[in-house]
Amino acid sequence: MKVKLLAVTEQAEALIEYAARICYQSAGRSQADKRGKFLQALIAKGHESPLEHASATFHLAECSRAMTHQLVRHRLMSVSQQSQRYVSESGFAYVVPPSVAAADQEAYQQDMEAIRALYAKWKARGLRNEDARFVLPNSCQTELVITANFREFRHIFKVRCLPQAQSEIRQACGMMLKLLHAKAPHVFEDLLPLLAKSAPPQEG
């Protein structure tokens, strides 16, 4: 899986503080060296609406549609995803779940080859991409660009970095959390313990 941070609001933490202080009419009390403490206090008391003024855009690639079907359920997020209607999936690449044991890798690969053959068969019989794709597996690799505000990313990380979340989305969200923390440390500092939970499992 590849995760790339494409864009993020410049001086995001300064912008969030500015917006929050409008609420309290305390703009004159802003001090750069105390900004982190102010932002952490906002988050601690649940006043997260100012976080919506900052956003980030990521490019995710070489991930499965099983994972992206989960990610796009977060509706306060803009998504542009590779189409299976306009893009042929002949010879599609796929993701192997880490739970597939080493002894079963060959069998899994054979199943994917069989599905490739099914897709090719129905294409040869005249089906267009939009209908031939009905035989494709959720393991198909895909790529997408997503944009969300910081408040929504915090929600996504809280839900998708938990141990009970599916392994691939845990990995993706852990990578995004680490990248956003580097850009806005005081906004995401309290979520860092989730990184240990989102580490990819060992392959079988």
Foldseek 3Di string as FASTA:
>chain_A
DDKDWDDKDPPLLVQLVCVVCVVVVPNVVDDPVCSLVVLLVCVVVPVCVSQQVIKTKMKDWQAFLVLVVVVPVLPQKDKDKDDQQVDPCQVFDFDDALAQAPVCPVVVVVVQVVLSVQLVVVVVVPDGSVPSCVSPDRRGIIMMMMMHGLVSLVVLQVPQLALVHRLRSLQNSLVVLVVVCVVVVSSSVVSNVSNVSNPHDHHD
